[in-house]
Amino acid sequence: MSDQDERVRIVTFPEEATPSPLRVQVRELQEQAWPSADGPAGPPQAPVHDPLLRPLSMLAVEGATVVAALDVLFKEIVHAGGRYAAGGVSTVVTRRESRGRGYGRRLVAAAREAMIGRGLDLGLFTCDRTLRVFYEGAGWRALPGTVLVGGTPQDPFPSDRPGFDKVTMADFFSPAARRAEATFHGSRIPLYPGEIDALW
């Protein structure tokens, strides 16, 4: 690890409690990665996620500069007759000039450890198929054929909708989740995180 890598620390805040100077930088990075037609909605320090999902912001920071960021979202899900405390990784982004140094992978691995530390049953999210190897390198596993159904029951938003090329990534933390792992393979999982975070 280089001296520069050692100067990068990971800090964690509830999204709404993230210090404004850091939050503004995160919004700038998100807008850089996923530009919106009309610019970001609301002030730059405004939350991005549904507060009901208890978003936790994890940032890789060098000095006062955010070099990478992600959010962890939380929700209880019901699947195959079981109830599980689940977490998902969302809005993973690395500053353009900081890419290729492993900061994003460090954050994604730290998010997995944070989920374990909070006693969740499992972590579960989708990513672009081209990013599967990236997430596997941080300890996550692909669930071939598994589809997450986002949105709401009244207005579902499945990860296999036309034009999407998504892979479902997961890891199973609790004994109950590990026993039920086979039921998650090749299945449609009702995530339903709501209208704001249609599919985390």
Protein backbone atom coordinates (compact mmCIF):
# COMPACT_ATOMS: atom_id res chain seq x y z
CA MET A 1 0.00 0.00 0.00
CA SER A 2 1.41 3.40 -0.95
CA ASP A 3 1.71 6.37 1.39
CA GLN A 4 -1.12 8.00 -0.54
CA ASP A 5 -3.39 4.98 0.03
CA GLU A 6 -2.61 5.09 3.75
CA ARG A 7 -3.74 8.74 3.89
CA VAL A 8 -7.18 7.75 2.59
CA ARG A 9 -9.55 6.99 5.47
CA ILE A 10 -13.09 5.62 5.41
CA VAL A 11 -15.69 7.63 7.31
CA THR A 12 -19.32 6.70 7.89
CA PHE A 13 -22.37 8.87 8.64
CA PRO A 14 -26.14 8.54 8.44
CA GLU A 15 -26.83 10.25 5.12
CA GLU A 16 -28.69 13.15 6.71
CA ALA A 17 -25.84 13.72 9.19
CA THR A 18 -23.02 13.78 6.62
CA PRO A 19 -21.13 17.07 7.02
CA SER A 20 -22.26 19.50 4.33
CA PRO A 21 -18.81 20.00 2.69
CA LEU A 22 -18.52 16.23 2.19
CA ARG A 23 -22.14 15.82 1.09
CA VAL A 24 -21.71 18.53 -1.55
CA GLN A 25 -18.69 16.67 -2.96
CA VAL A 26 -20.59 13.37 -3.00
CA ARG A 27 -23.43 14.97 -4.97
CA GLU A 28 -20.89 16.41 -7.42
CA LEU A 29 -19.37 12.95 -7.95
CA GLN A 30 -22.81 11.40 -8.43
CA GLU A 31 -23.74 14.06 -10.96
CA GLN A 32 -20.42 13.46 -12.72
CA ALA A 33 -21.15 9.73 -12.96
CA TRP A 34 -24.90 9.92 -13.67
CA PRO A 35 -25.67 13.37 -15.09
CA SER A 36 -29.31 14.35 -14.81
CA ALA A 37 -30.99 16.25 -17.60
CA ASP A 38 -31.91 19.21 -15.39
CA GLY A 39 -29.04 19.01 -12.91
CA PRO A 40 -29.36 17.58 -9.40
CA ALA A 41 -32.73 17.95 -7.69
CA GLY A 42 -32.68 20.14 -4.61
CA PRO A 43 -29.70 21.76 -2.91
CA PRO A 44 -26.37 19.92 -3.24
CA GLN A 45 -26.38 18.84 0.41
CA ALA A 46 -29.92 17.40 0.17
CA PRO A 47 -30.35 13.65 0.83
CA VAL A 48 -30.59 11.37 -2.21
CA HIS A 49 -32.30 8.34 -0.68
CA ASP A 50 -35.61 7.54 0.96
CA PRO A 51 -35.11 8.11 4.71
CA LEU A 52 -37.23 5.01 5.40
CA LEU A 53 -34.28 2.96 4.07
CA ARG A 54 -32.02 4.44 6.78
CA PRO A 55 -29.25 5.35 4.30
CA LEU A 56 -25.71 5.13 5.62
CA SER A 57 -23.07 7.07 3.68
CA MET A 58 -19.57 5.60 3.52
CA LEU A 59 -16.87 7.86 2.11
CA ALA A 60 -13.20 7.38 1.26
CA VAL A 61 -11.60 10.70 2.14
CA GLU A 62 -8.09 12.01 1.53
CA GLY A 63 -7.57 15.16 3.54
CA ALA A 64 -10.76 17.11 2.91
CA THR A 65 -11.42 15.49 -0.50
CA VAL A 66 -13.93 12.69 -1.09
CA VAL A 67 -12.24 10.25 -3.49
CA ALA A 68 -15.00 7.60 -3.46
CA ALA A 69 -18.43 7.18 -1.94
CA LEU A 70 -21.34 4.80 -1.60
CA ASP A 71 -24.52 4.45 0.42
CA VAL A 72 -25.82 1.40 2.24
CA LEU A 73 -29.61 1.02 2.37
CA PHE A 74 -31.54 -1.17 4.81
CA LYS A 75 -34.87 -2.93 4.60
CA GLU A 76 -36.62 -6.02 5.90
CA ILE A 77 -37.60 -8.30 3.05
CA VAL A 78 -39.93 -11.28 2.88
CA HIS A 79 -38.87 -14.18 0.67
CA ALA A 80 -39.94 -17.83 0.45
CA GLY A 81 -41.75 -17.64 3.77
CA GLY A 82 -38.87 -16.03 5.65
CA ARG A 83 -38.22 -12.48 6.89
CA TYR A 84 -34.71 -11.10 6.60
CA ALA A 85 -32.91 -7.92 7.59
CA ALA A 86 -31.24 -6.96 4.32
CA GLY A 87 -28.80 -4.30 3.21
CA GLY A 88 -27.88 -3.11 -0.24
CA VAL A 89 -25.04 -1.13 -1.78
CA SER A 90 -26.09 1.92 -3.78
CA THR A 91 -24.59 4.87 -5.69
CA VAL A 92 -20.99 3.61 -5.73
CA VAL A 93 -18.81 6.28 -7.30
CA THR A 94 -15.10 7.15 -7.49
CA ARG A 95 -13.62 10.52 -8.43
CA ARG A 96 -12.36 10.31 -12.04
CA GLU A 97 -8.78 11.22 -11.23
CA SER A 98 -8.70 8.70 -8.34
CA ARG A 99 -9.89 5.66 -10.28
CA GLY A 100 -7.76 2.53 -10.57
CA ARG A 101 -6.30 2.84 -7.08
CA GLY A 102 -8.66 0.43 -5.32
CA TYR A 103 -10.63 3.00 -3.33
CA GLY A 104 -13.99 1.81 -4.65
CA ARG A 105 -13.16 -1.81 -3.88
CA ARG A 106 -12.08 -0.87 -0.34
CA LEU A 107 -15.39 0.91 0.19
CA VAL A 108 -17.50 -1.94 -1.20
CA ALA A 109 -15.65 -4.42 1.03
CA ALA A 110 -16.12 -2.07 4.00
CA ALA A 111 -19.85 -1.88 3.26
CA ARG A 112 -20.06 -5.67 3.48
CA GLU A 113 -18.28 -5.60 6.84
CA ALA A 114 -20.61 -2.84 8.04
CA MET A 115 -23.64 -4.97 7.19
CA ILE A 116 -22.18 -7.90 9.11
CA GLY A 117 -21.38 -5.61 12.04
CA ARG A 118 -24.97 -4.38 12.15
CA GLY A 119 -26.28 -7.92 12.43
CA LEU A 120 -28.00 -8.11 9.06
CA ASP A 121 -29.06 -11.46 7.67
CA LEU A 122 -27.79 -10.73 4.16
CA GLY A 123 -26.61 -8.17 1.67
CA LEU A 124 -28.36 -8.04 -1.69
CA PHE A 125 -28.15 -5.63 -4.64
CA THR A 126 -27.84 -5.40 -8.40
CA CYS A 127 -25.01 -4.09 -10.54
CA ASP A 128 -24.23 -3.79 -14.23
CA ARG A 129 -23.04 -7.13 -15.58
CA THR A 130 -19.69 -5.58 -16.48
CA LEU A 131 -19.07 -4.79 -12.78
CA ARG A 132 -19.61 -8.32 -11.51
CA VAL A 133 -15.86 -9.05 -11.22
CA PHE A 134 -15.31 -5.78 -9.36
CA TYR A 135 -17.84 -6.72 -6.68
CA GLU A 136 -16.63 -10.31 -6.50
CA GLY A 137 -13.16 -8.92 -5.77
CA ALA A 138 -14.65 -7.22 -2.70
CA GLY A 139 -16.22 -10.38 -1.27
CA TRP A 140 -19.65 -10.44 -2.93
CA ARG A 141 -21.08 -13.35 -4.93
CA ALA A 142 -23.27 -13.38 -8.02
CA LEU A 143 -26.65 -15.12 -7.89
CA PRO A 144 -27.17 -16.34 -11.48
CA GLY A 145 -30.73 -16.00 -12.68
CA THR A 146 -31.87 -14.07 -9.61
CA VAL A 147 -34.01 -10.98 -10.20
CA LEU A 148 -34.67 -8.22 -7.68
CA VAL A 149 -38.10 -6.67 -8.00
CA GLY A 150 -37.86 -3.03 -6.98
CA GLY A 151 -40.32 -0.19 -6.98
CA THR A 152 -43.54 -0.94 -5.15
CA PRO A 153 -46.02 -3.83 -5.30
CA GLN A 154 -48.37 -1.52 -7.22
CA ASP A 155 -45.63 -0.33 -9.60
CA PRO A 156 -42.87 -3.00 -9.71
CA PHE A 157 -39.44 -2.27 -11.17
CA PRO A 158 -37.69 -5.60 -11.91
CA SER A 159 -33.97 -5.85 -12.57
CA ASP A 160 -34.61 -7.92 -15.72
CA ARG A 161 -36.73 -5.26 -17.41
CA PRO A 162 -35.99 -4.63 -21.12
CA GLY A 163 -32.83 -2.64 -21.71
CA PHE A 164 -31.27 -3.63 -18.39
CA ASP A 165 -28.25 -5.91 -18.14
CA LYS A 166 -28.03 -6.46 -14.40
CA VAL A 167 -26.56 -9.12 -12.15
CA THR A 168 -27.74 -9.73 -8.61
CA MET A 169 -24.94 -9.80 -6.03
CA ALA A 170 -25.31 -11.10 -2.49
CA ASP A 171 -23.75 -12.54 0.60
CA PHE A 172 -25.42 -14.45 3.41
CA PHE A 173 -24.39 -13.53 6.93
CA SER A 174 -26.74 -15.07 9.50
CA PRO A 175 -27.31 -18.81 10.02
CA ALA A 176 -30.95 -18.39 8.96
CA ALA A 177 -29.96 -16.68 5.71
CA ARG A 178 -27.27 -19.26 4.97
CA ARG A 179 -29.78 -22.07 5.47
CA ALA A 180 -32.16 -20.36 3.02
CA GLU A 181 -29.51 -19.44 0.45
CA ALA A 182 -30.70 -21.97 -2.13
CA THR A 183 -34.13 -20.30 -2.22
CA PHE A 184 -32.50 -17.06 -3.42
CA HIS A 185 -30.84 -18.67 -6.44
CA GLY A 186 -32.69 -18.25 -9.73
CA SER A 187 -35.66 -16.60 -8.03
CA ARG A 188 -37.56 -13.32 -8.15
CA ILE A 189 -37.05 -11.50 -4.85
CA PRO A 190 -39.58 -8.83 -3.80
CA LEU A 191 -37.31 -6.02 -2.63
CA TYR A 192 -39.79 -3.11 -3.07
CA PRO A 193 -37.64 -0.25 -1.70
CA GLY A 194 -40.17 2.34 -2.90
CA GLU A 195 -40.43 5.02 -5.54
CA ILE A 196 -37.30 7.07 -4.69
CA ASP A 197 -34.84 4.18 -4.67
CA ALA A 198 -36.63 2.09 -7.26
CA LEU A 199 -33.81 -0.48 -7.39
CA TRP A 200 -30.82 -0.20 -5.12
